[in-house]
Amino acid sequence: MKKEDTVKLISAEGFEFVIDKEAAMVSQTIHNMLTSPGSFAESQHGEVTFPEISTTILEKICQYFYWHLQFAR
């Protein structure tokens, strides 16, 4: 898998989750951050930091993204 096909989500404690970009795009907020032309630093680096979200919660969010891709369509 190529680096541009993944997104790094970083929790408040600094734990990094590297997930498929397609899975991350389930979130409209993350989608906007990664696709807006030049307005977010996240779109340039492919990293999104969540200073208010703990590692445990961010892990569940990532699991939901993959669940949504598999079952919600």
N, C-alpha and C. Protein backbone atom coordinates (compact mmCIF):
# COMPACT_ATOMS: atom_id res chain seq x y z
N MET A 1 0.85 -1.18 0.00
CA MET A 1 0.00 0.00 0.00
C MET A 1 0.89 1.24 0.00
N LYS A 2 0.59 2.17 -0.87
CA LYS A 2 1.37 3.39 -0.99
C LYS A 2 0.99 4.39 0.10
N LYS A 3 1.94 5.25 0.43
CA LYS A 3 1.72 6.25 1.48
C LYS A 3 0.53 7.15 1.16
N GLU A 4 0.33 7.50 -0.11
CA GLU A 4 -0.79 8.38 -0.46
C GLU A 4 -2.14 7.68 -0.37
N ASP A 5 -2.14 6.36 -0.18
CA ASP A 5 -3.37 5.60 -0.01
C ASP A 5 -3.75 5.45 1.46
N THR A 6 -2.94 6.02 2.35
CA THR A 6 -3.21 5.91 3.78
C THR A 6 -3.29 7.30 4.42
N VAL A 7 -3.86 7.31 5.61
CA VAL A 7 -3.97 8.53 6.41
C VAL A 7 -3.54 8.17 7.82
N LYS A 8 -2.83 9.08 8.46
CA LYS A 8 -2.40 8.86 9.84
C LYS A 8 -3.29 9.70 10.76
N LEU A 9 -3.99 9.03 11.66
CA LEU A 9 -4.82 9.71 12.66
C LEU A 9 -4.08 9.63 13.99
N ILE A 10 -3.91 10.76 14.65
CA ILE A 10 -3.10 10.83 15.87
C ILE A 10 -3.98 11.24 17.04
N SER A 11 -3.95 10.42 18.09
CA SER A 11 -4.77 10.65 19.28
C SER A 11 -4.14 11.71 20.19
N ALA A 12 -4.87 12.07 21.23
CA ALA A 12 -4.40 13.06 22.19
C ALA A 12 -3.11 12.61 22.88
N GLU A 13 -2.96 11.29 23.06
CA GLU A 13 -1.76 10.76 23.72
C GLU A 13 -0.60 10.55 22.74
N GLY A 14 -0.84 10.82 21.46
CA GLY A 14 0.21 10.69 20.46
C GLY A 14 0.25 9.35 19.75
N PHE A 15 -0.70 8.46 20.04
CA PHE A 15 -0.74 7.17 19.36
C PHE A 15 -1.19 7.39 17.92
N GLU A 16 -0.53 6.73 16.99
CA GLU A 16 -0.81 6.93 15.57
C GLU A 16 -1.52 5.72 14.98
N PHE A 17 -2.63 5.98 14.31
CA PHE A 17 -3.38 4.95 13.58
C PHE A 17 -3.20 5.23 12.09
N VAL A 18 -2.62 4.30 11.37
CA VAL A 18 -2.47 4.44 9.92
C VAL A 18 -3.57 3.60 9.29
N ILE A 19 -4.51 4.27 8.63
CA ILE A 19 -5.66 3.57 8.05
C ILE A 19 -5.77 3.91 6.57
N ASP A 20 -6.55 3.11 5.85
CA ASP A 20 -6.80 3.38 4.44
C ASP A 20 -7.48 4.73 4.30
N LYS A 21 -7.07 5.47 3.29
CA LYS A 21 -7.68 6.78 3.04
C LYS A 21 -9.17 6.64 2.76
N GLU A 22 -9.56 5.58 2.06
CA GLU A 22 -10.98 5.34 1.77
C GLU A 22 -11.78 5.20 3.06
N ALA A 23 -11.21 4.51 4.05
CA ALA A 23 -11.90 4.35 5.33
C ALA A 23 -12.01 5.69 6.05
N ALA A 24 -10.96 6.47 6.05
CA ALA A 24 -10.98 7.78 6.72
C ALA A 24 -12.00 8.72 6.08
N MET A 25 -12.22 8.56 4.78
CA MET A 25 -13.16 9.43 4.08
C MET A 25 -14.62 9.18 4.46
N VAL A 26 -14.87 8.15 5.27
CA VAL A 26 -16.22 7.93 5.81
C VAL A 26 -16.64 9.16 6.61
N SER A 27 -15.69 9.78 7.29
CA SER A 27 -15.95 11.00 8.05
C SER A 27 -15.95 12.19 7.11
N GLN A 28 -17.04 12.91 7.07
CA GLN A 28 -17.11 14.10 6.20
C GLN A 28 -16.11 15.16 6.65
N THR A 29 -15.87 15.27 7.94
CA THR A 29 -14.90 16.25 8.44
C THR A 29 -13.50 15.92 7.96
N ILE A 30 -13.09 14.66 8.11
CA ILE A 30 -11.76 14.25 7.64
C ILE A 30 -11.69 14.38 6.12
N HIS A 31 -12.76 14.01 5.44
CA HIS A 31 -12.80 14.15 3.98
C HIS A 31 -12.54 15.60 3.58
N ASN A 32 -13.20 16.53 4.23
CA ASN A 32 -13.00 17.95 3.92
C ASN A 32 -11.58 18.41 4.22
N MET A 33 -11.02 17.92 5.31
CA MET A 33 -9.67 18.31 5.69
C MET A 33 -8.64 17.80 4.68
N LEU A 34 -8.88 16.62 4.14
CA LEU A 34 -7.90 16.01 3.23
C LEU A 34 -8.07 16.42 1.77
N THR A 35 -9.23 16.92 1.41
CA THR A 35 -9.47 17.24 0.01
C THR A 35 -9.56 18.73 -0.29
N SER A 36 -9.64 19.56 0.72
CA SER A 36 -9.70 21.00 0.48
C SER A 36 -8.37 21.48 -0.08
N PRO A 37 -8.40 22.24 -1.14
CA PRO A 37 -7.15 22.66 -1.79
C PRO A 37 -6.35 23.65 -0.94
N GLY A 38 -5.34 23.16 -0.28
CA GLY A 38 -4.40 24.02 0.43
C GLY A 38 -4.87 24.68 1.71
N SER A 39 -6.13 24.52 2.08
CA SER A 39 -6.60 25.26 3.25
C SER A 39 -6.31 24.56 4.57
N PHE A 40 -6.02 23.27 4.53
CA PHE A 40 -5.68 22.54 5.74
C PHE A 40 -4.30 21.90 5.58
N ALA A 41 -3.47 22.00 6.60
CA ALA A 41 -2.15 21.37 6.57
C ALA A 41 -2.29 19.85 6.43
N GLU A 42 -3.40 19.31 6.93
CA GLU A 42 -3.63 17.87 6.87
C GLU A 42 -3.65 17.36 5.43
N SER A 43 -4.14 18.18 4.51
CA SER A 43 -4.21 17.74 3.11
C SER A 43 -2.82 17.59 2.51
N GLN A 44 -1.85 18.30 3.01
CA GLN A 44 -0.48 18.21 2.49
C GLN A 44 0.29 17.05 3.11
N HIS A 45 0.03 16.77 4.39
CA HIS A 45 0.81 15.76 5.11
C HIS A 45 0.12 14.42 5.24
N GLY A 46 -1.19 14.37 5.04
CA GLY A 46 -1.90 13.11 5.21
C GLY A 46 -2.00 12.68 6.66
N GLU A 47 -1.90 13.63 7.56
CA GLU A 47 -1.99 13.37 9.01
C GLU A 47 -3.06 14.27 9.62
N VAL A 48 -3.84 13.68 10.53
CA VAL A 48 -4.84 14.46 11.24
C VAL A 48 -4.65 14.22 12.73
N THR A 49 -4.44 15.27 13.49
CA THR A 49 -4.25 15.16 14.94
C THR A 49 -5.54 15.55 15.64
N PHE A 50 -5.92 14.72 16.60
CA PHE A 50 -7.13 14.96 17.39
C PHE A 50 -6.73 15.17 18.86
N PRO A 51 -6.43 16.41 19.25
CA PRO A 51 -5.94 16.66 20.60
C PRO A 51 -6.97 16.41 21.70
N GLU A 52 -8.24 16.28 21.33
CA GLU A 52 -9.29 16.06 22.33
C GLU A 52 -9.80 14.62 22.37
N ILE A 53 -9.28 13.75 21.50
CA ILE A 53 -9.80 12.38 21.41
C ILE A 53 -8.75 11.41 21.91
N SER A 54 -9.13 10.61 22.91
CA SER A 54 -8.20 9.64 23.51
C SER A 54 -7.93 8.49 22.54
N THR A 55 -6.87 7.76 22.81
CA THR A 55 -6.47 6.62 21.99
C THR A 55 -7.58 5.58 21.91
N THR A 56 -8.21 5.27 23.03
CA THR A 56 -9.27 4.27 23.06
C THR A 56 -10.44 4.66 22.16
N ILE A 57 -10.85 5.90 22.24
CA ILE A 57 -11.98 6.39 21.43
C ILE A 57 -11.60 6.44 19.96
N LEU A 58 -10.39 6.91 19.65
CA LEU A 58 -9.97 6.98 18.25
C LEU A 58 -9.86 5.58 17.63
N GLU A 59 -9.46 4.61 18.43
CA GLU A 59 -9.43 3.22 17.94
C GLU A 59 -10.84 2.76 17.54
N LYS A 60 -11.83 3.05 18.37
CA LYS A 60 -13.22 2.68 18.05
C LYS A 60 -13.71 3.43 16.80
N ILE A 61 -13.32 4.67 16.66
CA ILE A 61 -13.69 5.44 15.47
C ILE A 61 -13.12 4.78 14.22
N CYS A 62 -11.86 4.38 14.27
CA CYS A 62 -11.24 3.70 13.13
C CYS A 62 -11.95 2.39 12.82
N GLN A 63 -12.31 1.65 13.85
CA GLN A 63 -13.05 0.41 13.65
C GLN A 63 -14.39 0.70 12.98
N TYR A 64 -15.05 1.76 13.38
CA TYR A 64 -16.33 2.14 12.77
C TYR A 64 -16.15 2.47 11.29
N PHE A 65 -15.09 3.19 10.95
CA PHE A 65 -14.85 3.53 9.55
C PHE A 65 -14.82 2.27 8.69
N TYR A 66 -14.07 1.26 9.14
CA TYR A 66 -13.98 0.01 8.38
C TYR A 66 -15.30 -0.74 8.38
N TRP A 67 -16.02 -0.72 9.51
CA TRP A 67 -17.34 -1.37 9.56
C TRP A 67 -18.26 -0.71 8.55
N HIS A 68 -18.27 0.60 8.52
CA HIS A 68 -19.13 1.35 7.60
C HIS A 68 -18.84 0.99 6.15
N LEU A 69 -17.54 0.90 5.80
CA LEU A 69 -17.17 0.53 4.43
C LEU A 69 -17.70 -0.86 4.06
N GLN A 70 -17.66 -1.76 5.02
CA GLN A 70 -18.04 -3.14 4.73
C GLN A 70 -19.55 -3.36 4.72
N PHE A 71 -20.27 -2.75 5.66
CA PHE A 71 -21.67 -3.12 5.87
C PHE A 71 -22.70 -2.03 5.56
N ALA A 72 -22.34 -0.77 5.55
CA ALA A 72 -23.35 0.29 5.47
C ALA A 72 -23.79 0.61 4.04
N ARG A 73 -23.13 0.05 3.06
CA ARG A 73 -23.49 0.40 1.68
C ARG A 73 -24.50 -0.53 1.13
